[in-house]
Amino acid sequence: MKNKDFISVKEAAEIMSISRVAVFKKIKKGEIEAQKVGRAYVVDKRSLGSIYQDLTATQKNRIESAVSRVVREYGEALRKLGQE
């Protein structure tokens, strides 16, 4: 059975919108609590604070829909901003 209090480094990076390397740096600095399991780390999602919250499927769908709409409507502007 999976322990729902822990997530992978990849999942933590996705939640925080940072790279996996940045997550490893935060683990090393003690900013994020993690445990080593074999050769990998698992992150205590509670250590992510307010960044992490369990979203319902409906909430996730609404967010995905909103992001898609923004990208569709403002995609060119977002690409130009990303180049600056």
Protein backbone atom coordinates (compact mmCIF):
# COMPACT_ATOMS: atom_id res chain seq x y z
CA MET A 1 0.00 0.00 0.00
CA LYS A 2 1.29 3.47 -0.88
CA ASN A 3 1.99 6.00 1.83
CA LYS A 4 0.02 9.08 0.78
CA ASP A 5 2.20 11.42 2.85
CA PHE A 6 5.16 10.95 0.49
CA ILE A 7 5.62 11.82 -3.16
CA SER A 8 8.47 11.40 -5.62
CA VAL A 9 11.00 14.13 -6.35
CA LYS A 10 9.50 14.38 -9.83
CA GLU A 11 6.02 14.98 -8.40
CA ALA A 12 7.39 17.59 -5.97
CA ALA A 13 9.12 19.37 -8.87
CA GLU A 14 5.87 19.42 -10.86
CA ILE A 15 3.88 20.74 -7.91
CA MET A 16 6.42 23.47 -7.21
CA SER A 17 7.00 24.24 -10.91
CA ILE A 18 10.75 23.86 -10.52
CA SER A 19 13.28 21.38 -11.85
CA ARG A 20 14.14 18.09 -10.16
CA VAL A 21 17.66 19.46 -9.60
CA ALA A 22 16.19 22.43 -7.72
CA VAL A 23 14.20 20.01 -5.53
CA PHE A 24 17.38 18.05 -4.75
CA LYS A 25 19.13 21.31 -3.81
CA LYS A 26 16.26 22.21 -1.46
CA ILE A 27 16.45 18.73 0.09
CA LYS A 28 20.19 19.13 0.63
CA LYS A 29 19.69 22.58 2.24
CA GLY A 30 17.00 21.14 4.52
CA GLU A 31 14.25 23.30 3.02
CA ILE A 32 12.25 20.22 2.03
CA GLU A 33 11.97 17.11 4.20
CA ALA A 34 12.78 13.89 2.36
CA GLN A 35 13.83 10.36 3.09
CA LYS A 36 16.15 8.19 1.09
CA VAL A 37 14.57 4.94 -0.05
CA GLY A 38 17.16 2.81 -1.77
CA ARG A 39 18.82 5.13 -4.29
CA ALA A 40 15.85 7.48 -4.56
CA TYR A 41 14.33 10.14 -2.33
CA VAL A 42 10.71 10.51 -1.32
CA VAL A 43 9.45 13.91 -0.26
CA ASP A 44 7.13 14.45 2.68
CA LYS A 45 4.40 16.46 0.95
CA ARG A 46 3.58 18.20 4.22
CA SER A 47 7.01 19.84 4.05
CA LEU A 48 5.87 21.64 0.88
CA GLY A 49 3.50 23.70 3.02
CA SER A 50 0.79 25.68 1.33
CA ILE A 51 2.22 24.86 -2.10
CA TYR A 52 0.80 21.36 -1.85
CA GLN A 53 -2.84 20.58 -1.46
CA ASP A 54 -4.95 17.65 -2.49
CA LEU A 55 -7.10 18.75 -5.39
CA THR A 56 -10.30 17.03 -6.42
CA ALA A 57 -10.69 15.80 -9.98
CA THR A 58 -13.14 18.63 -10.63
CA GLN A 59 -10.64 21.23 -9.41
CA LYS A 60 -7.88 19.71 -11.55
CA ASN A 61 -10.13 19.76 -14.62
CA ARG A 62 -11.06 23.41 -14.02
CA ILE A 63 -7.40 24.37 -13.69
CA GLU A 64 -6.42 22.46 -16.83
CA SER A 65 -9.29 24.07 -18.73
CA ALA A 66 -8.28 27.55 -17.58
CA VAL A 67 -4.63 26.99 -18.48
CA SER A 68 -5.59 25.67 -21.93
CA ARG A 69 -7.81 28.70 -22.55
CA VAL A 70 -5.05 31.14 -21.50
CA VAL A 71 -2.48 29.41 -23.69
CA ARG A 72 -4.90 29.38 -26.62
CA GLU A 73 -5.78 33.07 -26.22
CA TYR A 74 -2.39 34.46 -25.17
CA GLY A 75 0.05 31.86 -26.50
CA GLU A 76 2.02 34.24 -28.72
CA ALA A 77 2.37 36.83 -25.95
CA LEU A 78 3.48 34.14 -23.49
CA ARG A 79 6.11 32.87 -25.95
CA LYS A 80 7.47 36.41 -26.42
CA LEU A 81 7.59 36.97 -22.65
CA GLY A 82 9.47 33.70 -22.26
CA GLN A 83 12.16 34.92 -24.65
CA GLU A 84 12.96 38.02 -22.57
